[in-house]
Amino acid sequence: SLKEHLIDELDYILLPTEGWNRLVSWYTLMDGQ
């Protein structure tokens, strides 16, 4: 559940599937998330 009123680029950035998969393969995702 996201916090309300998050703003693109200020609070988060958006990555296409391939970009996300690469970042996860390089750095992994925090445990429990």
PDB file of all heavy atoms in Angstrom:
ATOM      1  N   SER A   1       0.832  -1.201   0.000  1.00  0.00           N
ATOM      2  CA  SER A   1       0.000   0.000   0.000  1.00  0.00           C
ATOM      3  C   SER A   1       0.870   1.256   0.000  1.00  0.00           C
ATOM      4  O   SER A   1       1.627   1.505   0.945  1.00  0.00           O
ATOM      5  CB  SER A   1      -0.909  -0.004   1.232  1.00  0.00           C
ATOM      6  OG  SER A   1      -1.792   1.096   1.200  1.00  0.00           O
ATOM      7  N   LEU A   2       0.759   2.038  -1.058  1.00  0.00           N
ATOM      8  CA  LEU A   2       1.579   3.233  -1.186  1.00  0.00           C
ATOM      9  C   LEU A   2       1.075   4.365  -0.296  1.00  0.00           C
ATOM     10  O   LEU A   2      -0.132   4.494  -0.049  1.00  0.00           O
ATOM     11  CB  LEU A   2       1.569   3.727  -2.639  1.00  0.00           C
ATOM     12  CG  LEU A   2       2.229   2.837  -3.687  1.00  0.00           C
ATOM     13  CD1 LEU A   2       2.027   3.431  -5.077  1.00  0.00           C
ATOM     14  CD2 LEU A   2       3.712   2.674  -3.410  1.00  0.00           C
ATOM     15  N   LYS A   3       2.000   5.185   0.163  1.00  0.00           N
ATOM     16  CA  LYS A   3       1.618   6.417   0.841  1.00  0.00           C
ATOM     17  C   LYS A   3       0.853   7.298  -0.146  1.00  0.00           C
ATOM     18  O   LYS A   3       1.034   7.199  -1.362  1.00  0.00           O
ATOM     19  CB  LYS A   3       2.862   7.164   1.331  1.00  0.00           C
ATOM     20  CG  LYS A   3       3.610   6.458   2.445  1.00  0.00           C
ATOM     21  CD  LYS A   3       4.862   7.243   2.827  1.00  0.00           C
ATOM     22  CE  LYS A   3       5.604   6.570   3.970  1.00  0.00           C
ATOM     23  NZ  LYS A   3       6.872   7.277   4.294  1.00  0.00           N
ATOM     24  N   GLU A   4       0.020   8.161   0.390  1.00  0.00           N
ATOM     25  CA  GLU A   4      -0.770   9.037  -0.470  1.00  0.00           C
ATOM     26  C   GLU A   4       0.073  10.193  -1.004  1.00  0.00           C
ATOM     27  O   GLU A   4       1.056  10.613  -0.398  1.00  0.00           O
ATOM     28  CB  GLU A   4      -1.978   9.578   0.299  1.00  0.00           C
ATOM     29  CG  GLU A   4      -2.956   8.496   0.717  1.00  0.00           C
ATOM     30  CD  GLU A   4      -4.147   9.054   1.459  1.00  0.00           C
ATOM     31  OE1 GLU A   4      -4.233  10.293   1.584  1.00  0.00           O
ATOM     32  OE2 GLU A   4      -4.988   8.260   1.911  1.00  0.00           O
ATOM     33  N   HIS A   5      -0.326  10.670  -2.170  1.00  0.00           N
ATOM     34  CA  HIS A   5       0.220  11.888  -2.777  1.00  0.00           C
ATOM     35  C   HIS A   5       1.706  11.795  -3.119  1.00  0.00           C
ATOM     36  O   HIS A   5       2.426  12.790  -3.049  1.00  0.00           O
ATOM     37  CB  HIS A   5      -0.019  13.100  -1.874  1.00  0.00           C
ATOM     38  CG  HIS A   5      -1.444  13.246  -1.419  1.00  0.00           C
ATOM     39  ND1 HIS A   5      -2.508  13.167  -2.294  1.00  0.00           N
ATOM     40  CD2 HIS A   5      -1.975  13.418  -0.184  1.00  0.00           C
ATOM     41  CE1 HIS A   5      -3.631  13.318  -1.620  1.00  0.00           C
ATOM     42  NE2 HIS A   5      -3.336  13.465  -0.335  1.00  0.00           N
ATOM     43  N   LEU A   6       2.176  10.602  -3.467  1.00  0.00           N
ATOM     44  CA  LEU A   6       3.557  10.490  -3.933  1.00  0.00           C
ATOM     45  C   LEU A   6       3.675  11.128  -5.315  1.00  0.00           C
ATOM     46  O   LEU A   6       2.752  11.059  -6.122  1.00  0.00           O
ATOM     47  CB  LEU A   6       3.974   9.015  -4.007  1.00  0.00           C
ATOM     48  CG  LEU A   6       4.012   8.247  -2.684  1.00  0.00           C
ATOM     49  CD1 LEU A   6       4.342   6.787  -2.942  1.00  0.00           C
ATOM     50  CD2 LEU A   6       5.027   8.868  -1.726  1.00  0.00           C
ATOM     51  N   ILE A   7       4.826  11.728  -5.580  1.00  0.00           N
ATOM     52  CA  ILE A   7       5.020  12.463  -6.835  1.00  0.00           C
ATOM     53  C   ILE A   7       6.143  11.829  -7.646  1.00  0.00           C
ATOM     54  O   ILE A   7       7.226  11.542  -7.113  1.00  0.00           O
ATOM     55  CB  ILE A   7       5.351  13.944  -6.542  1.00  0.00           C
ATOM     56  CG1 ILE A   7       4.192  14.591  -5.770  1.00  0.00           C
ATOM     57  CG2 ILE A   7       5.623  14.702  -7.836  1.00  0.00           C
ATOM     58  CD1 ILE A   7       4.496  15.996  -5.286  1.00  0.00           C
ATOM     59  N   ASP A   8       5.861  11.621  -8.926  1.00  0.00           N
ATOM     60  CA  ASP A   8       6.829  11.032  -9.848  1.00  0.00           C
ATOM     61  C   ASP A   8       8.106  11.869  -9.875  1.00  0.00           C
ATOM     62  O   ASP A   8       8.060  13.097  -9.958  1.00  0.00           O
ATOM     63  CB  ASP A   8       6.210  10.961 -11.249  1.00  0.00           C
ATOM     64  CG  ASP A   8       7.080  10.207 -12.243  1.00  0.00           C
ATOM     65  OD1 ASP A   8       8.049   9.561 -11.819  1.00  0.00           O
ATOM     66  OD2 ASP A   8       6.774  10.271 -13.453  1.00  0.00           O
ATOM     67  N   GLU A   9       9.243  11.209  -9.799  1.00  0.00           N
ATOM     68  CA  GLU A   9      10.599  11.772  -9.828  1.00  0.00           C
ATOM     69  C   GLU A   9      11.010  12.422  -8.509  1.00  0.00           C
ATOM     70  O   GLU A   9      12.181  12.399  -8.150  1.00  0.00           O
ATOM     71  CB  GLU A   9      10.777  12.758 -10.991  1.00  0.00           C
ATOM     72  CG  GLU A   9      10.670  12.089 -12.352  1.00  0.00           C
ATOM     73  CD  GLU A   9      11.039  13.009 -13.503  1.00  0.00           C
ATOM     74  OE1 GLU A   9      11.417  14.166 -13.243  1.00  0.00           O
ATOM     75  OE2 GLU A   9      10.941  12.571 -14.662  1.00  0.00           O
ATOM     76  N   LEU A  10      10.047  12.986  -7.783  1.00  0.00           N
ATOM     77  CA  LEU A  10      10.391  13.542  -6.471  1.00  0.00           C
ATOM     78  C   LEU A  10      10.467  12.432  -5.425  1.00  0.00           C
ATOM     79  O   LEU A  10      11.433  12.343  -4.664  1.00  0.00           O
ATOM     80  CB  LEU A  10       9.372  14.599  -6.047  1.00  0.00           C
ATOM     81  CG  LEU A  10       9.589  15.236  -4.670  1.00  0.00           C
ATOM     82  CD1 LEU A  10      10.896  16.006  -4.646  1.00  0.00           C
ATOM     83  CD2 LEU A  10       8.422  16.149  -4.315  1.00  0.00           C
ATOM     84  N   ASP A  11       9.449  11.564  -5.394  1.00  0.00           N
ATOM     85  CA  ASP A  11       9.400  10.480  -4.417  1.00  0.00           C
ATOM     86  C   ASP A  11       9.827   9.133  -5.001  1.00  0.00           C
ATOM     87  O   ASP A  11      10.317   8.276  -4.274  1.00  0.00           O
ATOM     88  CB  ASP A  11       7.980  10.339  -3.860  1.00  0.00           C
ATOM     89  CG  ASP A  11       7.520  11.593  -3.136  1.00  0.00           C
ATOM     90  OD1 ASP A  11       8.213  11.999  -2.173  1.00  0.00           O
ATOM     91  OD2 ASP A  11       6.494  12.168  -3.534  1.00  0.00           O
ATOM     92  N   TYR A  12       9.610   8.936  -6.265  1.00  0.00           N
ATOM     93  CA  TYR A  12       9.936   7.658  -6.899  1.00  0.00           C
ATOM     94  C   TYR A  12      10.296   7.897  -8.368  1.00  0.00           C
ATOM     95  O   TYR A  12       9.976   8.951  -8.936  1.00  0.00           O
ATOM     96  CB  TYR A  12       8.736   6.694  -6.821  1.00  0.00           C
ATOM     97  CG  TYR A  12       7.503   7.190  -7.544  1.00  0.00           C
ATOM     98  CD1 TYR A  12       7.337   6.970  -8.912  1.00  0.00           C
ATOM     99  CD2 TYR A  12       6.508   7.903  -6.868  1.00  0.00           C
ATOM    100  CE1 TYR A  12       6.223   7.451  -9.588  1.00  0.00           C
ATOM    101  CE2 TYR A  12       5.400   8.380  -7.533  1.00  0.00           C
ATOM    102  CZ  TYR A  12       5.266   8.153  -8.895  1.00  0.00           C
ATOM    103  OH  TYR A  12       4.166   8.628  -9.565  1.00  0.00           O
ATOM    104  N   ILE A  13      10.964   6.914  -8.958  1.00  0.00           N
ATOM    105  CA  ILE A  13      11.164   6.906 -10.400  1.00  0.00           C
ATOM    106  C   ILE A  13      10.548   5.616 -10.932  1.00  0.00           C
ATOM    107  O   ILE A  13      10.350   4.654 -10.190  1.00  0.00           O
ATOM    108  CB  ILE A  13      12.656   7.036 -10.797  1.00  0.00           C
ATOM    109  CG1 ILE A  13      13.457   5.839 -10.287  1.00  0.00           C
ATOM    110  CG2 ILE A  13      13.241   8.341 -10.299  1.00  0.00           C
ATOM    111  CD1 ILE A  13      13.666   4.780 -11.315  1.00  0.00           C
ATOM    112  N   LEU A  14      10.239   5.626 -12.205  1.00  0.00           N
ATOM    113  CA  LEU A  14       9.609   4.476 -12.839  1.00  0.00           C
ATOM    114  C   LEU A  14      10.566   3.819 -13.815  1.00  0.00           C
ATOM    115  O   LEU A  14      11.212   4.508 -14.618  1.00  0.00           O
ATOM    116  CB  LEU A  14       8.344   4.919 -13.579  1.00  0.00           C
ATOM    117  CG  LEU A  14       7.187   5.376 -12.681  1.00  0.00           C
ATOM    118  CD1 LEU A  14       6.183   6.201 -13.476  1.00  0.00           C
ATOM    119  CD2 LEU A  14       6.505   4.171 -12.050  1.00  0.00           C
ATOM    120  N   LEU A  15      10.660   2.498 -13.727  1.00  0.00           N
ATOM    121  CA  LEU A  15      11.534   1.728 -14.607  1.00  0.00           C
ATOM    122  C   LEU A  15      10.726   0.650 -15.333  1.00  0.00           C
ATOM    123  O   LEU A  15       9.894  -0.017 -14.715  1.00  0.00           O
ATOM    124  CB  LEU A  15      12.641   1.042 -13.800  1.00  0.00           C
ATOM    125  CG  LEU A  15      13.904   1.836 -13.475  1.00  0.00           C
ATOM    126  CD1 LEU A  15      14.805   1.000 -12.577  1.00  0.00           C
ATOM    127  CD2 LEU A  15      14.646   2.227 -14.741  1.00  0.00           C
ATOM    128  N   PRO A  16      10.992   0.453 -16.629  1.00  0.00           N
ATOM    129  CA  PRO A  16      10.342  -0.665 -17.318  1.00  0.00           C
ATOM    130  C   PRO A  16      10.853  -1.989 -16.764  1.00  0.00           C
ATOM    131  O   PRO A  16      11.861  -2.035 -16.045  1.00  0.00           O
ATOM    132  CB  PRO A  16      10.747  -0.461 -18.776  1.00  0.00           C
ATOM    133  CG  PRO A  16      12.034   0.295 -18.709  1.00  0.00           C
ATOM    134  CD  PRO A  16      11.917   1.182 -17.505  1.00  0.00           C
ATOM    135  N   THR A  17      10.168  -3.055 -17.109  1.00  0.00           N
ATOM    136  CA  THR A  17      10.483  -4.372 -16.546  1.00  0.00           C
ATOM    137  C   THR A  17      11.951  -4.732 -16.703  1.00  0.00           C
ATOM    138  O   THR A  17      12.593  -5.206 -15.749  1.00  0.00           O
ATOM    139  CB  THR A  17       9.610  -5.453 -17.223  1.00  0.00           C
ATOM    140  OG1 THR A  17       8.232  -5.168 -16.934  1.00  0.00           O
ATOM    141  CG2 THR A  17       9.952  -6.835 -16.687  1.00  0.00           C
ATOM    142  N   GLU A  18      12.513  -4.516 -17.885  1.00  0.00           N
ATOM    143  CA  GLU A  18      13.916  -4.886 -18.113  1.00  0.00           C
ATOM    144  C   GLU A  18      14.857  -4.097 -17.208  1.00  0.00           C
ATOM    145  O   GLU A  18      15.826  -4.645 -16.659  1.00  0.00           O
ATOM    146  CB  GLU A  18      14.286  -4.669 -19.581  1.00  0.00           C
ATOM    147  CG  GLU A  18      15.666  -5.192 -19.937  1.00  0.00           C
ATOM    148  CD  GLU A  18      16.001  -5.042 -21.414  1.00  0.00           C
ATOM    149  OE1 GLU A  18      15.109  -4.667 -22.205  1.00  0.00           O
ATOM    150  OE2 GLU A  18      17.167  -5.299 -21.766  1.00  0.00           O
ATOM    151  N   GLY A  19      14.584  -2.816 -17.026  1.00  0.00           N
ATOM    152  CA  GLY A  19      15.423  -1.997 -16.153  1.00  0.00           C
ATOM    153  C   GLY A  19      15.341  -2.452 -14.710  1.00  0.00           C
ATOM    154  O   GLY A  19      16.351  -2.530 -14.003  1.00  0.00           O
ATOM    155  N   TRP A  20      14.116  -2.751 -14.254  1.00  0.00           N
ATOM    156  CA  TRP A  20      13.934  -3.248 -12.884  1.00  0.00           C
ATOM    157  C   TRP A  20      14.679  -4.560 -12.683  1.00  0.00           C
ATOM    158  O   TRP A  20      15.382  -4.744 -11.681  1.00  0.00           O
ATOM    159  CB  TRP A  20      12.454  -3.416 -12.586  1.00  0.00           C
ATOM    160  CG  TRP A  20      12.174  -4.171 -11.314  1.00  0.00           C
ATOM    161  CD1 TRP A  20      11.827  -5.476 -11.189  1.00  0.00           C
ATOM    162  CD2 TRP A  20      12.264  -3.658  -9.979  1.00  0.00           C
ATOM    163  NE1 TRP A  20      11.673  -5.818  -9.866  1.00  0.00           N
ATOM    164  CE2 TRP A  20      11.941  -4.723  -9.097  1.00  0.00           C
ATOM    165  CE3 TRP A  20      12.580  -2.409  -9.437  1.00  0.00           C
ATOM    166  CZ2 TRP A  20      11.920  -4.568  -7.722  1.00  0.00           C
ATOM    167  CZ3 TRP A  20      12.558  -2.260  -8.056  1.00  0.00           C
ATOM    168  CH2 TRP A  20      12.233  -3.320  -7.222  1.00  0.00           C
ATOM    169  N   ASN A  21      14.514  -5.479 -13.624  1.00  0.00           N
ATOM    170  CA  ASN A  21      15.169  -6.787 -13.500  1.00  0.00           C
ATOM    171  C   ASN A  21      16.687  -6.657 -13.416  1.00  0.00           C
ATOM    172  O   ASN A  21      17.344  -7.396 -12.670  1.00  0.00           O
ATOM    173  CB  ASN A  21      14.784  -7.686 -14.670  1.00  0.00           C
ATOM    174  CG  ASN A  21      13.340  -8.166 -14.581  1.00  0.00           C
ATOM    175  OD1 ASN A  21      12.729  -8.133 -13.508  1.00  0.00           O
ATOM    176  ND2 ASN A  21      12.786  -8.597 -15.693  1.00  0.00           N
ATOM    177  N   ARG A  22      17.231  -5.724 -14.154  1.00  0.00           N
ATOM    178  CA  ARG A  22      18.693  -5.535 -14.112  1.00  0.00           C
ATOM    179  C   ARG A  22      19.133  -4.977 -12.761  1.00  0.00           C
ATOM    180  O   ARG A  22      20.113  -5.460 -12.184  1.00  0.00           O
ATOM    181  CB  ARG A  22      19.133  -4.619 -15.257  1.00  0.00           C
ATOM    182  CG  ARG A  22      18.953  -5.264 -16.616  1.00  0.00           C
ATOM    183  CD  ARG A  22      19.642  -4.512 -17.717  1.00  0.00           C
ATOM    184  NE  ARG A  22      19.275  -5.054 -19.017  1.00  0.00           N
ATOM    185  CZ  ARG A  22      19.877  -4.743 -20.158  1.00  0.00           C
ATOM    186  NH1 ARG A  22      20.867  -3.869 -20.157  1.00  0.00           N
ATOM    187  NH2 ARG A  22      19.480  -5.264 -21.298  1.00  0.00           N
ATOM    188  N   LEU A  23      18.409  -3.990 -12.267  1.00  0.00           N
ATOM    189  CA  LEU A  23      18.785  -3.439 -10.963  1.00  0.00           C
ATOM    190  C   LEU A  23      18.701  -4.506  -9.870  1.00  0.00           C
ATOM    191  O   LEU A  23      19.582  -4.589  -9.004  1.00  0.00           O
ATOM    192  CB  LEU A  23      17.874  -2.260 -10.597  1.00  0.00           C
ATOM    193  CG  LEU A  23      18.192  -0.902 -11.208  1.00  0.00           C
ATOM    194  CD1 LEU A  23      17.246   0.163 -10.664  1.00  0.00           C
ATOM    195  CD2 LEU A  23      19.635  -0.484 -10.969  1.00  0.00           C
ATOM    196  N   VAL A  24      17.657  -5.326  -9.908  1.00  0.00           N
ATOM    197  CA  VAL A  24      17.506  -6.380  -8.901  1.00  0.00           C
ATOM    198  C   VAL A  24      18.620  -7.413  -9.035  1.00  0.00           C
ATOM    199  O   VAL A  24      19.159  -7.914  -8.033  1.00  0.00           O
ATOM    200  CB  VAL A  24      16.120  -7.055  -9.015  1.00  0.00           C
ATOM    201  CG1 VAL A  24      16.044  -8.289  -8.111  1.00  0.00           C
ATOM    202  CG2 VAL A  24      15.026  -6.068  -8.638  1.00  0.00           C
ATOM    203  N   SER A  25      19.011  -7.727 -10.261  1.00  0.00           N
ATOM    204  CA  SER A  25      20.094  -8.706 -10.455  1.00  0.00           C
ATOM    205  C   SER A  25      21.430  -8.158  -9.954  1.00  0.00           C
ATOM    206  O   SER A  25      22.284  -8.917  -9.506  1.00  0.00           O
ATOM    207  CB  SER A  25      20.202  -9.090 -11.933  1.00  0.00           C
ATOM    208  OG  SER A  25      20.729  -8.020 -12.711  1.00  0.00           O
ATOM    209  N   TRP A  26      21.597  -6.847  -9.995  1.00  0.00           N
ATOM    210  CA  TRP A  26      22.845  -6.236  -9.539  1.00  0.00           C
ATOM    211  C   TRP A  26      22.853  -5.978  -8.038  1.00  0.00           C
ATOM    212  O   TRP A  26      23.900  -6.107  -7.388  1.00  0.00           O
ATOM    213  CB  TRP A  26      23.068  -4.892 -10.261  1.00  0.00           C
ATOM    214  CG  TRP A  26      23.227  -5.004 -11.749  1.00  0.00           C
ATOM    215  CD1 TRP A  26      23.718  -6.077 -12.442  1.00  0.00           C
ATOM    216  CD2 TRP A  26      22.873  -4.014 -12.718  1.00  0.00           C
ATOM    217  NE1 TRP A  26      23.697  -5.812 -13.798  1.00  0.00           N
ATOM    218  CE2 TRP A  26      23.191  -4.544 -13.998  1.00  0.00           C
ATOM    219  CE3 TRP A  26      22.341  -2.734 -12.666  1.00  0.00           C
ATOM    220  CZ2 TRP A  26      22.988  -3.842 -15.191  1.00  0.00           C
ATOM    221  CZ3 TRP A  26      22.127  -2.025 -13.837  1.00  0.00           C
ATOM    222  CH2 TRP A  26      22.449  -2.582 -15.081  1.00  0.00           C
ATOM    223  N   TYR A  27      21.706  -5.595  -7.473  1.00  0.00           N
ATOM    224  CA  TYR A  27      21.687  -5.132  -6.083  1.00  0.00           C
ATOM    225  C   TYR A  27      20.738  -5.902  -5.172  1.00  0.00           C
ATOM    226  O   TYR A  27      20.776  -5.708  -3.959  1.00  0.00           O
ATOM    227  CB  TYR A  27      21.332  -3.634  -6.034  1.00  0.00           C
ATOM    228  CG  TYR A  27      22.374  -2.779  -6.709  1.00  0.00           C
ATOM    229  CD1 TYR A  27      22.228  -2.413  -8.043  1.00  0.00           C
ATOM    230  CD2 TYR A  27      23.523  -2.367  -6.031  1.00  0.00           C
ATOM    231  CE1 TYR A  27      23.197  -1.642  -8.685  1.00  0.00           C
ATOM    232  CE2 TYR A  27      24.492  -1.595  -6.655  1.00  0.00           C
ATOM    233  CZ  TYR A  27      24.326  -1.241  -7.980  1.00  0.00           C
ATOM    234  OH  TYR A  27      25.285  -0.492  -8.610  1.00  0.00           O
ATOM    235  N   THR A  28      19.862  -6.738  -5.716  1.00  0.00           N
ATOM    236  CA  THR A  28      18.804  -7.456  -5.001  1.00  0.00           C
ATOM    237  C   THR A  28      17.775  -6.477  -4.437  1.00  0.00           C
ATOM    238  O   THR A  28      17.925  -5.258  -4.547  1.00  0.00           O
ATOM    239  CB  THR A  28      19.339  -8.355  -3.859  1.00  0.00           C
ATOM    240  OG1 THR A  28      19.763  -7.547  -2.750  1.00  0.00           O
ATOM    241  CG2 THR A  28      20.468  -9.250  -4.356  1.00  0.00           C
ATOM    242  N   LEU A  29      16.731  -7.012  -3.820  1.00  0.00           N
ATOM    243  CA  LEU A  29      15.672  -6.222  -3.200  1.00  0.00           C
ATOM    244  C   LEU A  29      15.692  -6.486  -1.702  1.00  0.00           C
ATOM    245  O   LEU A  29      15.930  -7.608  -1.272  1.00  0.00           O
ATOM    246  CB  LEU A  29      14.310  -6.613  -3.796  1.00  0.00           C
ATOM    247  CG  LEU A  29      13.058  -5.914  -3.268  1.00  0.00           C
ATOM    248  CD1 LEU A  29      13.114  -4.414  -3.533  1.00  0.00           C
ATOM    249  CD2 LEU A  29      11.801  -6.513  -3.906  1.00  0.00           C
ATOM    250  N   MET A  30      15.457  -5.458  -0.930  1.00  0.00           N
ATOM    251  CA  MET A  30      15.482  -5.565   0.524  1.00  0.00           C
ATOM    252  C   MET A  30      14.599  -6.728   1.000  1.00  0.00           C
ATOM    253  O   MET A  30      13.484  -6.925   0.514  1.00  0.00           O
ATOM    254  CB  MET A  30      14.982  -4.255   1.145  1.00  0.00           C
ATOM    255  CG  MET A  30      15.122  -4.180   2.660  1.00  0.00           C
ATOM    256  SD  MET A  30      16.844  -3.993   3.197  1.00  0.00           S
ATOM    257  CE  MET A  30      17.149  -2.277   2.770  1.00  0.00           C
ATOM    258  N   ASP A  31      15.113  -7.496   1.951  1.00  0.00           N
ATOM    259  CA  ASP A  31      14.365  -8.630   2.502  1.00  0.00           C
ATOM    260  C   ASP A  31      12.992  -8.185   3.004  1.00  0.00           C
ATOM    261  O   ASP A  31      12.862  -7.145   3.662  1.00  0.00           O
ATOM    262  CB  ASP A  31      15.135  -9.272   3.654  1.00  0.00           C
ATOM    263  CG  ASP A  31      16.340 -10.076   3.173  1.00  0.00           C
ATOM    264  OD1 ASP A  31      16.411 -10.365   1.965  1.00  0.00           O
ATOM    265  OD2 ASP A  31      17.203 -10.395   4.014  1.00  0.00           O
ATOM    266  N   GLY A  32      11.978  -8.983   2.706  1.00  0.00           N
ATOM    267  CA  GLY A  32      10.630  -8.694   3.171  1.00  0.00           C
ATOM    268  C   GLY A  32       9.832  -7.764   2.280  1.00  0.00           C
ATOM    269  O   GLY A  32       8.639  -7.548   2.517  1.00  0.00           O
ATOM    270  N   GLN A  33      10.470  -7.208   1.252  1.00  0.00           N
ATOM    271  CA  GLN A  33       9.759  -6.314   0.345  1.00  0.00           C
ATOM    272  C   GLN A  33       9.375  -7.031  -0.938  1.00  0.00           C
ATOM    273  O   GLN A  33      10.045  -7.975  -1.364  1.00  0.00           O
ATOM    274  CB  GLN A  33      10.608  -5.080   0.016  1.00  0.00           C
ATOM    275  CG  GLN A  33      10.839  -4.161   1.188  1.00  0.00           C
ATOM    276  CD  GLN A  33      11.509  -2.852   0.783  1.00  0.00           C
ATOM    277  OE1 GLN A  33      11.484  -2.441  -0.378  1.00  0.00           O
ATOM    278  NE2 GLN A  33      12.122  -2.190   1.750  1.00  0.00           N
TER     279      GLN A  33
END
